[in-house]
Amino acid sequence: MAKKLMILVTAALMGTTAFAPLAIAQGTTQPAPENPGAQTEPATPATPMTPAAPATNDSAAATTGGAYLTEQDETQVSANDYIGKAVYTAADESIGNVTNLIMEEDGGLVAAVIGVGGFLGIGAKDVAVPMDKVTMTRNAQDGTIRLTTTETAETLKSAPEFKTLEQKASEKNAAMPAAPDSTTTSATKP
């Protein structure tokens, strides 16, 4: 009797492990696009984009309505389009790379932080340039991004350095006198 029970349990375990890959292989079907025949219009070449302007397309409405975005719209800009990119003057002179973007708590862009001066990033200082002084253009043929500014290399080198909240806190802590070390003990003679 015990032998039959053991064979039955073994067969049941083998059966469930044999069908497990089939259950995993099953997937859910993706819903069909709402308008499969729609074609997108080609973008105009080298058109400047203003990232701080609010979008009024369906994707933006979906965001405020609680739905998730599934793709980037032509009027939307990724932070990756800015961070690490060179910034050029009107005279086509590279003056530094974007190292960070400063945003308001509600999501609006305030400034692009540009590392200026130095050599290969060493000795460079960060300057926060207001977004109204930075223009992004996207090449329609190859999709490349170009960032330009109305500022010059000289004005950015003489501009005050930008400091993050973390840098300010670190400087404040470094300026505070060190607390006495409570781990050392002193012995007194009786």
N, C-alpha and C. Protein backbone atom coordinates (compact mmCIF):
# COMPACT_ATOMS: atom_id res chain seq x y z
N MET A 1 0.81 -1.19 0.00
CA MET A 1 0.00 0.00 0.00
C MET A 1 0.86 1.26 0.00
N ALA A 2 1.90 1.28 0.82
CA ALA A 2 2.79 2.44 0.90
C ALA A 2 3.51 2.64 -0.43
N LYS A 3 3.81 1.52 -1.11
CA LYS A 3 4.50 1.62 -2.40
C LYS A 3 3.59 2.27 -3.44
N LYS A 4 2.30 1.92 -3.46
CA LYS A 4 1.35 2.50 -4.39
C LYS A 4 1.17 4.00 -4.11
N LEU A 5 1.11 4.36 -2.82
CA LEU A 5 0.98 5.76 -2.45
C LEU A 5 2.20 6.56 -2.91
N MET A 6 3.39 5.99 -2.75
CA MET A 6 4.61 6.66 -3.16
C MET A 6 4.63 6.85 -4.68
N ILE A 7 4.18 5.85 -5.44
CA ILE A 7 4.13 5.95 -6.90
C ILE A 7 3.11 7.02 -7.31
N LEU A 8 1.98 7.05 -6.65
CA LEU A 8 0.95 8.03 -6.96
C LEU A 8 1.44 9.46 -6.68
N VAL A 9 2.10 9.69 -5.57
CA VAL A 9 2.63 11.02 -5.22
C VAL A 9 3.71 11.42 -6.23
N THR A 10 4.59 10.49 -6.59
CA THR A 10 5.65 10.77 -7.56
C THR A 10 5.05 11.13 -8.91
N ALA A 11 4.04 10.40 -9.34
CA ALA A 11 3.39 10.68 -10.62
C ALA A 11 2.72 12.06 -10.60
N ALA A 12 2.09 12.39 -9.49
CA ALA A 12 1.43 13.69 -9.39
C ALA A 12 2.45 14.83 -9.45
N LEU A 13 3.56 14.67 -8.76
CA LEU A 13 4.60 15.70 -8.79
C LEU A 13 5.20 15.84 -10.18
N MET A 14 5.43 14.73 -10.84
CA MET A 14 5.99 14.78 -12.19
C MET A 14 5.00 15.41 -13.16
N GLY A 15 3.74 15.16 -12.97
CA GLY A 15 2.72 15.74 -13.84
C GLY A 15 2.63 17.25 -13.68
N THR A 16 2.71 17.73 -12.45
CA THR A 16 2.63 19.18 -12.24
C THR A 16 3.88 19.88 -12.76
N THR A 17 5.03 19.27 -12.62
CA THR A 17 6.24 19.91 -13.14
C THR A 17 6.30 19.84 -14.65
N ALA A 18 5.64 18.88 -15.24
CA ALA A 18 5.63 18.79 -16.70
C ALA A 18 4.74 19.88 -17.31
N PHE A 19 3.66 20.25 -16.62
CA PHE A 19 2.75 21.25 -17.16
C PHE A 19 3.09 22.68 -16.72
N ALA A 20 3.98 22.86 -15.77
CA ALA A 20 4.35 24.19 -15.29
C ALA A 20 4.92 25.07 -16.40
N PRO A 21 5.83 24.57 -17.26
CA PRO A 21 6.33 25.44 -18.33
C PRO A 21 5.23 25.89 -19.29
N LEU A 22 4.22 25.08 -19.50
CA LEU A 22 3.13 25.48 -20.38
C LEU A 22 2.34 26.64 -19.77
N ALA A 23 2.15 26.61 -18.47
CA ALA A 23 1.43 27.70 -17.82
C ALA A 23 2.24 28.99 -17.86
N ILE A 24 3.55 28.89 -17.71
CA ILE A 24 4.40 30.07 -17.75
C ILE A 24 4.47 30.63 -19.16
N ALA A 25 4.45 29.77 -20.16
CA ALA A 25 4.57 30.22 -21.54
C ALA A 25 3.34 30.98 -22.02
N GLN A 26 2.21 30.78 -21.34
CA GLN A 26 1.02 31.51 -21.74
C GLN A 26 1.19 32.97 -21.38
N GLY A 27 0.80 33.84 -22.27
CA GLY A 27 0.91 35.28 -22.03
C GLY A 27 -0.42 35.94 -22.27
N THR A 28 -0.50 37.17 -21.87
CA THR A 28 -1.71 37.92 -22.14
C THR A 28 -1.59 38.57 -23.50
N THR A 29 -2.70 38.73 -24.15
CA THR A 29 -2.67 39.37 -25.47
C THR A 29 -2.65 40.87 -25.28
N GLN A 30 -1.94 41.55 -26.14
CA GLN A 30 -1.85 43.00 -26.09
C GLN A 30 -3.08 43.59 -26.77
N PRO A 31 -3.66 44.65 -26.22
CA PRO A 31 -4.81 45.27 -26.88
C PRO A 31 -4.38 45.92 -28.19
N ALA A 32 -5.29 45.90 -29.14
CA ALA A 32 -5.01 46.51 -30.44
C ALA A 32 -4.95 48.01 -30.29
N PRO A 33 -4.09 48.68 -31.08
CA PRO A 33 -4.04 50.15 -31.00
C PRO A 33 -5.40 50.75 -31.36
N GLU A 34 -5.72 51.88 -30.74
CA GLU A 34 -7.02 52.51 -30.95
C GLU A 34 -7.22 52.96 -32.38
N ASN A 35 -6.17 53.44 -33.02
CA ASN A 35 -6.29 53.95 -34.38
C ASN A 35 -5.11 53.42 -35.20
N PRO A 36 -5.16 52.14 -35.65
CA PRO A 36 -4.00 51.55 -36.32
C PRO A 36 -3.68 52.20 -37.66
N GLY A 37 -4.60 52.87 -38.31
CA GLY A 37 -4.35 53.44 -39.63
C GLY A 37 -3.75 54.84 -39.56
N ALA A 38 -3.64 55.41 -38.37
CA ALA A 38 -3.14 56.79 -38.25
C ALA A 38 -1.65 56.83 -38.53
N GLN A 39 -1.25 57.85 -39.25
CA GLN A 39 0.16 58.05 -39.53
C GLN A 39 0.60 59.32 -38.86
N THR A 40 1.85 59.32 -38.41
CA THR A 40 2.37 60.51 -37.76
C THR A 40 2.94 61.45 -38.80
N GLU A 41 2.83 62.73 -38.52
CA GLU A 41 3.38 63.72 -39.43
C GLU A 41 4.87 63.85 -39.20
N PRO A 42 5.67 64.05 -40.25
CA PRO A 42 7.10 64.23 -40.04
C PRO A 42 7.37 65.56 -39.35
N ALA A 43 8.39 65.57 -38.49
CA ALA A 43 8.75 66.79 -37.79
C ALA A 43 9.50 67.73 -38.72
N THR A 44 9.36 69.01 -38.49
CA THR A 44 10.09 69.97 -39.30
C THR A 44 11.54 69.97 -38.86
N PRO A 45 12.46 70.13 -39.79
CA PRO A 45 13.87 70.05 -39.43
C PRO A 45 14.30 71.22 -38.55
N ALA A 46 15.12 70.90 -37.56
CA ALA A 46 15.78 71.86 -36.68
C ALA A 46 14.82 72.90 -36.11
N THR A 47 13.72 72.41 -35.53
CA THR A 47 12.79 73.34 -34.91
C THR A 47 13.11 73.45 -33.43
N PRO A 48 13.22 74.66 -32.91
CA PRO A 48 13.52 74.80 -31.49
C PRO A 48 12.35 74.33 -30.64
N MET A 49 12.66 73.70 -29.53
CA MET A 49 11.64 73.21 -28.62
C MET A 49 11.80 73.93 -27.30
N THR A 50 10.70 74.35 -26.71
CA THR A 50 10.75 74.98 -25.40
C THR A 50 10.26 73.98 -24.38
N PRO A 51 11.17 73.39 -23.58
CA PRO A 51 10.78 72.33 -22.67
C PRO A 51 9.90 72.77 -21.51
N ALA A 52 9.90 74.03 -21.16
CA ALA A 52 9.12 74.47 -20.01
C ALA A 52 7.66 74.71 -20.36
N ALA A 53 7.32 74.72 -21.65
CA ALA A 53 5.94 74.97 -22.05
C ALA A 53 5.08 73.76 -21.75
N PRO A 54 3.88 73.94 -21.21
CA PRO A 54 3.02 72.81 -20.91
C PRO A 54 2.47 72.19 -22.20
N ALA A 55 2.41 70.87 -22.21
CA ALA A 55 1.91 70.17 -23.38
C ALA A 55 0.39 70.11 -23.31
N THR A 56 -0.26 70.13 -24.48
CA THR A 56 -1.72 70.07 -24.51
C THR A 56 -2.19 68.90 -25.35
N ASN A 57 -1.36 67.88 -25.53
CA ASN A 57 -1.75 66.75 -26.36
C ASN A 57 -2.41 65.66 -25.52
N ASP A 58 -2.80 64.57 -26.16
CA ASP A 58 -3.48 63.49 -25.47
C ASP A 58 -2.59 62.82 -24.44
N SER A 59 -1.28 62.75 -24.69
CA SER A 59 -0.38 62.12 -23.73
C SER A 59 -0.36 62.89 -22.43
N ALA A 60 -0.35 64.21 -22.51
CA ALA A 60 -0.36 65.02 -21.30
C ALA A 60 -1.68 64.85 -20.57
N ALA A 61 -2.77 64.77 -21.29
CA ALA A 61 -4.07 64.56 -20.67
C ALA A 61 -4.12 63.21 -19.98
N ALA A 62 -3.48 62.21 -20.60
CA ALA A 62 -3.44 60.89 -20.00
C ALA A 62 -2.65 60.91 -18.70
N THR A 63 -1.61 61.72 -18.65
CA THR A 63 -0.80 61.81 -17.45
C THR A 63 -1.59 62.40 -16.30
N THR A 64 -2.33 63.46 -16.55
CA THR A 64 -3.10 64.08 -15.48
C THR A 64 -4.32 63.25 -15.14
N GLY A 65 -4.79 62.43 -16.05
CA GLY A 65 -5.95 61.60 -15.80
C GLY A 65 -5.62 60.33 -15.06
N GLY A 66 -4.35 60.08 -14.78
CA GLY A 66 -3.97 58.89 -14.04
C GLY A 66 -3.50 57.74 -14.91
N ALA A 67 -3.59 57.86 -16.23
CA ALA A 67 -3.13 56.80 -17.10
C ALA A 67 -1.62 56.89 -17.26
N TYR A 68 -0.99 55.78 -17.59
CA TYR A 68 0.46 55.75 -17.79
C TYR A 68 0.79 56.06 -19.23
N LEU A 69 1.91 56.75 -19.43
CA LEU A 69 2.39 56.98 -20.79
C LEU A 69 3.00 55.69 -21.31
N THR A 70 2.76 55.40 -22.56
CA THR A 70 3.34 54.20 -23.16
C THR A 70 4.42 54.52 -24.17
N GLU A 71 4.50 55.78 -24.58
CA GLU A 71 5.54 56.18 -25.52
C GLU A 71 5.73 57.69 -25.44
N GLN A 72 6.91 58.11 -25.87
CA GLN A 72 7.23 59.54 -25.86
C GLN A 72 6.59 60.21 -27.06
N ASP A 73 5.93 61.32 -26.82
CA ASP A 73 5.30 62.09 -27.88
C ASP A 73 6.34 62.98 -28.55
N GLU A 74 6.07 63.42 -29.75
CA GLU A 74 7.01 64.26 -30.49
C GLU A 74 7.28 65.58 -29.79
N THR A 75 6.34 66.06 -29.00
CA THR A 75 6.52 67.34 -28.31
C THR A 75 7.14 67.18 -26.93
N GLN A 76 7.38 65.95 -26.49
CA GLN A 76 7.96 65.71 -25.18
C GLN A 76 9.46 65.52 -25.29
N VAL A 77 10.17 65.94 -24.26
CA VAL A 77 11.62 65.87 -24.26
C VAL A 77 12.07 65.04 -23.06
N SER A 78 12.98 64.12 -23.30
CA SER A 78 13.54 63.30 -22.23
C SER A 78 14.69 64.03 -21.56
N ALA A 79 14.88 63.81 -20.27
CA ALA A 79 16.03 64.40 -19.58
C ALA A 79 17.33 63.91 -20.20
N ASN A 80 17.32 62.71 -20.76
CA ASN A 80 18.51 62.18 -21.42
C ASN A 80 18.89 62.99 -22.65
N ASP A 81 17.93 63.74 -23.21
CA ASP A 81 18.24 64.61 -24.34
C ASP A 81 19.09 65.80 -23.90
N TYR A 82 19.13 66.08 -22.62
CA TYR A 82 19.90 67.21 -22.09
C TYR A 82 21.18 66.76 -21.37
N ILE A 83 21.03 65.87 -20.41
CA ILE A 83 22.14 65.50 -19.53
C ILE A 83 23.26 64.84 -20.34
N GLY A 84 24.46 65.39 -20.18
CA GLY A 84 25.64 64.89 -20.88
C GLY A 84 25.88 65.52 -22.23
N LYS A 85 24.93 66.30 -22.72
CA LYS A 85 25.07 66.91 -24.05
C LYS A 85 25.87 68.20 -23.96
N ALA A 86 26.62 68.49 -25.02
CA ALA A 86 27.38 69.73 -25.11
C ALA A 86 26.43 70.89 -25.36
N VAL A 87 26.80 72.05 -24.85
CA VAL A 87 26.03 73.27 -25.05
C VAL A 87 26.90 74.22 -25.85
N TYR A 88 26.30 74.83 -26.88
CA TYR A 88 27.04 75.70 -27.80
C TYR A 88 26.53 77.13 -27.69
N THR A 89 27.43 78.08 -27.98
CA THR A 89 27.06 79.49 -28.03
C THR A 89 26.51 79.79 -29.42
N ALA A 90 26.04 81.02 -29.60
CA ALA A 90 25.55 81.44 -30.91
C ALA A 90 26.68 81.43 -31.94
N ALA A 91 27.94 81.54 -31.47
CA ALA A 91 29.10 81.50 -32.36
C ALA A 91 29.58 80.07 -32.59
N ASP A 92 28.77 79.07 -32.22
CA ASP A 92 29.07 77.65 -32.42
C ASP A 92 30.30 77.19 -31.62
N GLU A 93 30.50 77.77 -30.45
CA GLU A 93 31.60 77.41 -29.56
C GLU A 93 31.03 76.53 -28.44
N SER A 94 31.62 75.35 -28.23
CA SER A 94 31.19 74.49 -27.14
C SER A 94 31.67 75.08 -25.83
N ILE A 95 30.75 75.28 -24.88
CA ILE A 95 31.14 75.92 -23.62
C ILE A 95 31.01 75.00 -22.42
N GLY A 96 30.55 73.79 -22.61
CA GLY A 96 30.42 72.84 -21.51
C GLY A 96 29.33 71.83 -21.78
N ASN A 97 29.13 70.93 -20.82
CA ASN A 97 28.11 69.89 -20.93
C ASN A 97 27.09 70.05 -19.82
N VAL A 98 25.86 69.66 -20.11
CA VAL A 98 24.80 69.68 -19.10
C VAL A 98 25.07 68.55 -18.12
N THR A 99 25.16 68.90 -16.84
CA THR A 99 25.41 67.89 -15.81
C THR A 99 24.17 67.55 -15.00
N ASN A 100 23.17 68.44 -15.03
CA ASN A 100 21.97 68.22 -14.23
C ASN A 100 20.86 69.13 -14.73
N LEU A 101 19.64 68.80 -14.37
CA LEU A 101 18.49 69.66 -14.64
C LEU A 101 17.83 69.97 -13.31
N ILE A 102 17.49 71.23 -13.10
CA ILE A 102 16.85 71.65 -11.86
C ILE A 102 15.37 71.83 -12.14
N MET A 103 14.54 71.14 -11.33
CA MET A 103 13.10 71.16 -11.51
C MET A 103 12.41 71.72 -10.28
N GLU A 104 11.25 72.29 -10.48
CA GLU A 104 10.38 72.67 -9.37
C GLU A 104 9.76 71.40 -8.82
N GLU A 105 9.25 71.45 -7.62
CA GLU A 105 8.59 70.29 -7.04
C GLU A 105 7.39 69.84 -7.85
N ASP A 106 6.72 70.77 -8.55
CA ASP A 106 5.56 70.41 -9.35
C ASP A 106 5.95 69.89 -10.73
N GLY A 107 7.25 69.86 -11.05
CA GLY A 107 7.71 69.27 -12.30
C GLY A 107 8.20 70.22 -13.35
N GLY A 108 8.04 71.52 -13.20
CA GLY A 108 8.51 72.46 -14.22
C GLY A 108 10.02 72.60 -14.19
N LEU A 109 10.63 72.71 -15.38
CA LEU A 109 12.08 72.88 -15.46
C LEU A 109 12.46 74.33 -15.15
N VAL A 110 13.49 74.50 -14.34
CA VAL A 110 13.94 75.82 -13.94
C VAL A 110 15.25 76.18 -14.64
N ALA A 111 16.22 75.25 -14.60
CA ALA A 111 17.55 75.55 -15.14
C ALA A 111 18.26 74.29 -15.59
N ALA A 112 19.20 74.49 -16.51
CA ALA A 112 20.12 73.43 -16.91
C ALA A 112 21.46 73.75 -16.26
N VAL A 113 22.01 72.80 -15.52
CA VAL A 113 23.30 73.00 -14.88
C VAL A 113 24.37 72.59 -15.88
N ILE A 114 25.26 73.54 -16.20
CA ILE A 114 26.29 73.32 -17.21
C ILE A 114 27.65 73.36 -16.53
N GLY A 115 28.46 72.33 -16.75
CA GLY A 115 29.83 72.31 -16.26
C GLY A 115 30.69 73.12 -17.20
N VAL A 116 31.26 74.22 -16.73
CA VAL A 116 32.06 75.11 -17.58
C VAL A 116 33.48 75.21 -17.05
N GLY A 117 34.41 75.50 -17.97
CA GLY A 117 35.81 75.64 -17.59
C GLY A 117 36.42 74.28 -17.35
N GLY A 118 37.63 74.26 -16.89
CA GLY A 118 38.31 73.01 -16.58
C GLY A 118 38.72 72.27 -17.84
N PHE A 119 39.29 71.10 -17.63
CA PHE A 119 39.75 70.25 -18.73
C PHE A 119 39.25 68.84 -18.48
N LEU A 120 38.45 68.32 -19.40
CA LEU A 120 37.84 66.99 -19.28
C LEU A 120 37.09 66.83 -17.96
N GLY A 121 36.42 67.89 -17.56
CA GLY A 121 35.62 67.85 -16.35
C GLY A 121 36.38 68.14 -15.07
N ILE A 122 37.72 68.17 -15.14
CA ILE A 122 38.52 68.45 -13.95
C ILE A 122 38.67 69.97 -13.82
N GLY A 123 38.32 70.49 -12.68
CA GLY A 123 38.41 71.93 -12.46
C GLY A 123 37.22 72.70 -12.99
N ALA A 124 36.22 72.00 -13.52
CA ALA A 124 35.03 72.68 -14.04
C ALA A 124 34.14 73.09 -12.88
N LYS A 125 33.37 74.13 -13.09
CA LYS A 125 32.38 74.53 -12.09
C LYS A 125 31.01 74.44 -12.73
N ASP A 126 30.01 74.18 -11.89
CA ASP A 126 28.64 74.07 -12.37
C ASP A 126 27.96 75.43 -12.29
N VAL A 127 27.31 75.81 -13.40
CA VAL A 127 26.55 77.05 -13.46
C VAL A 127 25.13 76.69 -13.89
N ALA A 128 24.13 77.16 -13.13
CA ALA A 128 22.73 76.89 -13.46
C ALA A 128 22.24 77.99 -14.40
N VAL A 129 21.99 77.61 -15.64
CA VAL A 129 21.52 78.56 -16.66
C VAL A 129 20.00 78.43 -16.77
N PRO A 130 19.27 79.52 -16.61
CA PRO A 130 17.80 79.44 -16.72
C PRO A 130 17.37 78.84 -18.06
N MET A 131 16.29 78.08 -18.04
CA MET A 131 15.83 77.37 -19.24
C MET A 131 15.45 78.31 -20.37
N ASP A 132 15.08 79.56 -20.05
CA ASP A 132 14.74 80.48 -21.14
C ASP A 132 15.98 80.94 -21.91
N LYS A 133 17.16 80.59 -21.41
CA LYS A 133 18.40 80.92 -22.12
C LYS A 133 19.01 79.71 -22.81
N VAL A 134 18.33 78.56 -22.75
CA VAL A 134 18.80 77.33 -23.40
C VAL A 134 17.77 76.92 -24.43
N THR A 135 18.24 76.65 -25.65
CA THR A 135 17.35 76.23 -26.73
C THR A 135 17.78 74.85 -27.22
N MET A 136 16.79 73.98 -27.40
CA MET A 136 17.06 72.66 -27.94
C MET A 136 16.48 72.56 -29.34
N THR A 137 17.27 72.06 -30.27
CA THR A 137 16.77 71.79 -31.62
C THR A 137 17.02 70.33 -31.93
N ARG A 138 16.06 69.72 -32.61
CA ARG A 138 16.17 68.31 -33.00
C ARG A 138 16.23 68.25 -34.52
N ASN A 139 17.27 67.61 -35.05
CA ASN A 139 17.42 67.43 -36.48
C ASN A 139 16.39 66.42 -36.96
N ALA A 140 15.56 66.78 -37.91
CA ALA A 140 14.48 65.92 -38.39
C ALA A 140 15.01 64.69 -39.13
N GLN A 141 16.16 64.81 -39.77
CA GLN A 141 16.68 63.68 -40.54
C GLN A 141 17.23 62.57 -39.65
N ASP A 142 18.07 62.92 -38.67
CA ASP A 142 18.69 61.87 -37.87
C ASP A 142 18.31 61.91 -36.39
N GLY A 143 17.49 62.87 -35.99
CA GLY A 143 17.01 62.94 -34.62
C GLY A 143 18.03 63.44 -33.60
N THR A 144 19.19 63.91 -34.05
CA THR A 144 20.19 64.39 -33.10
C THR A 144 19.73 65.68 -32.42
N ILE A 145 20.19 65.86 -31.21
CA ILE A 145 19.82 66.99 -30.39
C ILE A 145 20.99 67.97 -30.34
N ARG A 146 20.68 69.25 -30.41
CA ARG A 146 21.71 70.30 -30.27
C ARG A 146 21.19 71.33 -29.28
N LEU A 147 22.01 71.63 -28.28
CA LEU A 147 21.66 72.61 -27.27
C LEU A 147 22.49 73.87 -27.48
N THR A 148 21.82 75.01 -27.49
CA THR A 148 22.51 76.29 -27.63
C THR A 148 22.04 77.22 -26.52
N THR A 149 22.85 78.23 -26.25
CA THR A 149 22.51 79.21 -25.24
C THR A 149 22.86 80.61 -25.72
N THR A 150 22.20 81.58 -25.14
CA THR A 150 22.49 82.97 -25.46
C THR A 150 23.70 83.46 -24.67
N GLU A 151 24.15 82.68 -23.70
CA GLU A 151 25.30 83.04 -22.88
C GLU A 151 26.60 82.81 -23.65
N THR A 152 27.68 83.44 -23.18
CA THR A 152 29.01 83.22 -23.76
C THR A 152 29.86 82.46 -22.75
N ALA A 153 30.99 81.96 -23.21
CA ALA A 153 31.89 81.24 -22.31
C ALA A 153 32.37 82.15 -21.19
N GLU A 154 32.63 83.42 -21.50
CA GLU A 154 33.12 84.36 -20.50
C GLU A 154 32.07 84.64 -19.42
N THR A 155 30.82 84.82 -19.83
CA THR A 155 29.78 85.11 -18.84
C THR A 155 29.54 83.91 -17.93
N LEU A 156 29.63 82.71 -18.47
CA LEU A 156 29.43 81.53 -17.63
C LEU A 156 30.61 81.30 -16.70
N LYS A 157 31.83 81.58 -17.17
CA LYS A 157 33.00 81.41 -16.30
C LYS A 157 32.98 82.40 -15.15
N SER A 158 32.40 83.58 -15.37
CA SER A 158 32.33 84.58 -14.30
C SER A 158 31.04 84.47 -13.48
N ALA A 159 30.13 83.60 -13.88
CA ALA A 159 28.87 83.42 -13.16
C ALA A 159 29.12 82.69 -11.84
N PRO A 160 28.23 82.87 -10.87
CA PRO A 160 28.40 82.16 -9.59
C PRO A 160 28.20 80.66 -9.76
N GLU A 161 28.92 79.90 -8.95
CA GLU A 161 28.82 78.44 -9.01
C GLU A 161 27.50 77.98 -8.38
N PHE A 162 26.88 76.98 -9.00
CA PHE A 162 25.63 76.42 -8.50
C PHE A 162 25.95 75.33 -7.49
N LYS A 163 25.21 75.31 -6.38
CA LYS A 163 25.41 74.29 -5.35
C LYS A 163 24.08 73.61 -5.06
N THR A 164 24.10 72.30 -5.01
CA THR A 164 22.90 71.53 -4.68
C THR A 164 22.66 71.60 -3.17
N LEU A 165 21.49 71.16 -2.75
CA LEU A 165 21.18 71.11 -1.32
C LEU A 165 22.18 70.21 -0.59
N GLU A 166 22.56 69.12 -1.21
CA GLU A 166 23.52 68.19 -0.61
C GLU A 166 24.88 68.86 -0.42
N GLN A 167 25.33 69.61 -1.42
CA GLN A 167 26.61 70.31 -1.31
C GLN A 167 26.56 71.37 -0.21
N LYS A 168 25.45 72.09 -0.13
CA LYS A 168 25.31 73.11 0.92
C LYS A 168 25.33 72.48 2.30
N ALA A 169 24.65 71.35 2.48
CA ALA A 169 24.63 70.66 3.77
C ALA A 169 26.02 70.14 4.12
N SER A 170 26.73 69.63 3.13
CA SER A 170 28.08 69.12 3.36
C SER A 170 29.02 70.24 3.79
N GLU A 171 28.92 71.40 3.14
CA GLU A 171 29.75 72.55 3.51
C GLU A 171 29.41 73.04 4.92
N LYS A 172 28.13 73.02 5.25
CA LYS A 172 27.70 73.46 6.58
C LYS A 172 28.26 72.52 7.65
N ASN A 173 28.19 71.22 7.39
CA ASN A 173 28.71 70.24 8.35
C ASN A 173 30.23 70.34 8.48
N ALA A 174 30.92 70.64 7.39
CA ALA A 174 32.38 70.76 7.44
C ALA A 174 32.80 72.00 8.21
N ALA A 175 31.97 73.04 8.19
CA ALA A 175 32.30 74.29 8.88
C ALA A 175 32.03 74.21 10.38
N MET A 176 31.21 73.26 10.79
CA MET A 176 30.89 73.12 12.21
C MET A 176 32.08 72.50 12.93
N PRO A 177 32.40 72.97 14.17
CA PRO A 177 33.51 72.36 14.91
C PRO A 177 33.15 70.93 15.29
N ALA A 178 34.16 70.11 15.31
CA ALA A 178 33.95 68.70 15.64
C ALA A 178 33.59 68.57 17.11
N ALA A 179 32.67 67.67 17.39
CA ALA A 179 32.27 67.41 18.77
C ALA A 179 33.39 66.66 19.47
N PRO A 180 33.56 66.88 20.76
CA PRO A 180 34.61 66.15 21.47
C PRO A 180 34.36 64.66 21.38
N ASP A 181 35.44 63.92 21.29
CA ASP A 181 35.36 62.46 21.15
C ASP A 181 35.04 61.87 22.52
N SER A 182 33.92 61.22 22.63
CA SER A 182 33.49 60.67 23.91
C SER A 182 33.98 59.24 24.11
N THR A 183 34.72 58.70 23.16
CA THR A 183 35.19 57.33 23.28
C THR A 183 36.50 57.24 24.04
N THR A 184 37.21 58.34 24.19
CA THR A 184 38.47 58.29 24.93
C THR A 184 38.19 58.45 26.42
N THR A 185 38.97 57.79 27.20
CA THR A 185 38.81 57.89 28.65
C THR A 185 40.10 58.40 29.25
N SER A 186 39.97 59.09 30.32
CA SER A 186 41.17 59.55 31.02
C SER A 186 41.14 58.96 32.43
N ALA A 187 42.27 58.57 32.84
CA ALA A 187 42.36 57.98 34.17
C ALA A 187 42.95 59.01 35.13
N THR A 188 42.41 59.04 36.31
CA THR A 188 42.95 59.92 37.34
C THR A 188 43.60 59.07 38.42
N LYS A 189 44.64 59.59 38.98
CA LYS A 189 45.34 58.85 40.04
C LYS A 189 44.61 59.04 41.36
N PRO A 190 44.47 57.96 42.14
CA PRO A 190 43.80 58.10 43.43
C PRO A 190 44.62 58.79 44.46
